[in-house]
C-alpha cells in the first residue's frame, strides 16, 4: 500500500476511476472516522478505497510550490527558475 497508494492531493484520475473509487471512499470515511477521529481520517479512507479498487497511483512531487527560499528537491522551483531564465 505504501508504494502505490500513499498519496495526497493533487489527484488526477479518469472519470471511470473516480466512478469506482468515490462510492468506496464515501463508504469508508465515516467508518474510519469512528475509529480514528482525526484530521486525516478521510485521507486514510481514500487510501483504503484506492487499494480496494486496485487503483495504483504514479507519484509526482513536482507540483508543490510553497516558499521560494526552500531548498526542498520536491518542489517545482527548479522549473520556475529555469523558465524565468534564472536556472
C-alpha atoms as a PDB file:
ATOM      1  CA  UNK A   1       0.000   0.000   0.000  1.00  0.00           C
ATOM      2  CA  UNK A   2       2.775   2.455   0.886  1.00  0.00           C
ATOM      3  CA  UNK A   3       4.401   2.456  -2.555  1.00  0.00           C
ATOM      4  CA  UNK A   4       1.236   2.559  -4.649  1.00  0.00           C
ATOM      5  CA  UNK A   5      -1.485   4.181  -2.562  1.00  0.00           C
ATOM      6  CA  UNK A   6       0.016   6.589  -0.010  1.00  0.00           C
ATOM      7  CA  UNK A   7      -0.793   9.762  -1.869  1.00  0.00           C
ATOM      8  CA  UNK A   8      -2.184  13.207  -1.300  1.00  0.00           C
ATOM      9  CA  UNK A   9      -3.632  15.979  -3.438  1.00  0.00           C
ATOM     10  CA  UNK A  10      -3.368  16.802  -6.347  1.00  0.00           C
ATOM     11  CA  UNK A  11      -5.280  13.765  -7.665  1.00  0.00           C
ATOM     12  CA  UNK A  12      -5.517  13.165 -11.381  1.00  0.00           C
ATOM     13  CA  UNK A  13      -7.717  10.274 -12.463  1.00  0.00           C
ATOM     14  CA  UNK A  14     -10.083   9.330 -15.250  1.00  0.00           C
ATOM     15  CA  UNK A  15     -13.841   9.657 -14.836  1.00  0.00           C
ATOM     16  CA  UNK A  16     -14.085   5.863 -14.747  1.00  0.00           C
ATOM     17  CA  UNK A  17     -11.505   5.667 -11.957  1.00  0.00           C
ATOM     18  CA  UNK A  18     -13.433   8.242  -9.928  1.00  0.00           C
ATOM     19  CA  UNK A  19     -16.725   6.363 -10.507  1.00  0.00           C
ATOM     20  CA  UNK A  20     -15.276   3.208  -8.986  1.00  0.00           C
ATOM     21  CA  UNK A  21     -13.346   4.989  -6.225  1.00  0.00           C
ATOM     22  CA  UNK A  22     -15.835   7.548  -4.890  1.00  0.00           C
ATOM     23  CA  UNK A  23     -18.554   5.187  -3.574  1.00  0.00           C
ATOM     24  CA  UNK A  24     -15.987   3.225  -1.581  1.00  0.00           C
ATOM     25  CA  UNK A  25     -14.270   6.372  -0.325  1.00  0.00           C
ATOM     26  CA  UNK A  26     -17.658   7.734   0.750  1.00  0.00           C
ATOM     27  CA  UNK A  27     -18.486   4.454   2.472  1.00  0.00           C
ATOM     28  CA  UNK A  28     -15.163   4.111   4.271  1.00  0.00           C
ATOM     29  CA  UNK A  29     -14.889   7.693   5.554  1.00  0.00           C
ATOM     30  CA  UNK A  30     -17.445   7.575   8.403  1.00  0.00           C
ATOM     31  CA  UNK A  31     -16.264   4.127   9.466  1.00  0.00           C
ATOM     32  CA  UNK A  32     -12.621   5.227   9.581  1.00  0.00           C
ATOM     33  CA  UNK A  33     -13.553   8.450  11.379  1.00  0.00           C
ATOM     34  CA  UNK A  34     -15.467   6.465  14.005  1.00  0.00           C
ATOM     35  CA  UNK A  35     -12.267   4.581  14.845  1.00  0.00           C
ATOM     36  CA  UNK A  36      -9.798   7.387  14.122  1.00  0.00           C
ATOM     37  CA  UNK A  37     -11.495  10.779  14.722  1.00  0.00           C
ATOM     38  CA  UNK A  38      -8.564  12.804  13.456  1.00  0.00           C
ATOM     39  CA  UNK A  39      -7.985  15.295  10.666  1.00  0.00           C
ATOM     40  CA  UNK A  40      -6.630  12.715   8.213  1.00  0.00           C
ATOM     41  CA  UNK A  41      -9.433  10.150   8.615  1.00  0.00           C
ATOM     42  CA  UNK A  42     -10.831  10.929   5.177  1.00  0.00           C
ATOM     43  CA  UNK A  43      -7.346  10.588   3.663  1.00  0.00           C
ATOM     44  CA  UNK A  44      -6.962   7.184   5.274  1.00  0.00           C
ATOM     45  CA  UNK A  45     -10.358   6.235   3.840  1.00  0.00           C
ATOM     46  CA  UNK A  46      -9.199   7.451   0.405  1.00  0.00           C
ATOM     47  CA  UNK A  47      -6.103   5.242   0.558  1.00  0.00           C
ATOM     48  CA  UNK A  48      -8.206   2.266   1.642  1.00  0.00           C
ATOM     49  CA  UNK A  49     -10.687   2.830  -1.189  1.00  0.00           C
ATOM     50  CA  UNK A  50      -7.909   3.147  -3.778  1.00  0.00           C
ATOM     51  CA  UNK A  51      -6.326  -0.091  -2.572  1.00  0.00           C
ATOM     52  CA  UNK A  52      -9.714  -1.808  -2.556  1.00  0.00           C
ATOM     53  CA  UNK A  53     -10.406  -0.977  -6.214  1.00  0.00           C
ATOM     54  CA  UNK A  54      -6.744  -1.675  -7.061  1.00  0.00           C
ATOM     55  CA  UNK A  55      -6.223   1.869  -8.322  1.00  0.00           C
ATOM     56  CA  UNK A  56      -2.487   2.473  -8.342  1.00  0.00           C
ATOM     57  CA  UNK A  57      -1.065   5.972  -8.469  1.00  0.00           C
ATOM     58  CA  UNK A  58       2.062   7.394 -10.038  1.00  0.00           C
ATOM     59  CA  UNK A  59       3.562   9.807  -7.574  1.00  0.00           C
ATOM     60  CA  UNK A  60       4.883  13.210  -8.562  1.00  0.00           C
ATOM     61  CA  UNK A  61       6.141  15.705  -6.048  1.00  0.00           C
ATOM     62  CA  UNK A  62       6.973  18.449  -8.527  1.00  0.00           C
ATOM     63  CA  UNK A  63       3.588  20.187  -8.299  1.00  0.00           C
ATOM     64  CA  UNK A  64       4.292  21.738  -4.921  1.00  0.00           C
ATOM     65  CA  UNK A  65       5.358  25.378  -4.747  1.00  0.00           C
ATOM     66  CA  UNK A  66       5.350  26.987  -1.326  1.00  0.00           C
ATOM     67  CA  UNK A  67       8.311  29.084  -0.221  1.00  0.00           C
ATOM     68  CA  UNK A  68      10.872  30.364  -2.709  1.00  0.00           C
ATOM     69  CA  UNK A  69      13.549  30.127  -0.002  1.00  0.00           C
ATOM     70  CA  UNK A  70      13.106  26.385   0.419  1.00  0.00           C
ATOM     71  CA  UNK A  71      15.804  24.065  -0.785  1.00  0.00           C
ATOM     72  CA  UNK A  72      13.446  21.096  -0.961  1.00  0.00           C
ATOM     73  CA  UNK A  73      14.034  18.981  -4.072  1.00  0.00           C
ATOM     74  CA  UNK A  74      10.342  18.055  -4.050  1.00  0.00           C
ATOM     75  CA  UNK A  75       9.127  21.495  -5.043  1.00  0.00           C
ATOM     76  CA  UNK A  76       8.822  22.860  -8.575  1.00  0.00           C
ATOM     77  CA  UNK A  77      11.109  25.861  -8.140  1.00  0.00           C
ATOM     78  CA  UNK A  78      13.700  24.347 -10.487  1.00  0.00           C
ATOM     79  CA  UNK A  79      11.275  24.575 -13.418  1.00  0.00           C
ATOM     80  CA  UNK A  80      10.043  28.025 -12.445  1.00  0.00           C
ATOM     81  CA  UNK A  81      13.593  29.381 -12.135  1.00  0.00           C
ATOM     82  CA  UNK A  82      14.578  27.686 -15.391  1.00  0.00           C
ATOM     83  CA  UNK A  83      11.608  29.176 -17.274  1.00  0.00           C
ATOM     84  CA  UNK A  84      12.376  32.597 -15.804  1.00  0.00           C
ATOM     85  CA  UNK A  85      15.959  32.356 -17.040  1.00  0.00           C
ATOM     86  CA  UNK A  86      17.484  32.022 -13.572  1.00  0.00           C
ATOM     87  CA  UNK A  87      18.397  28.342 -13.792  1.00  0.00           C
END
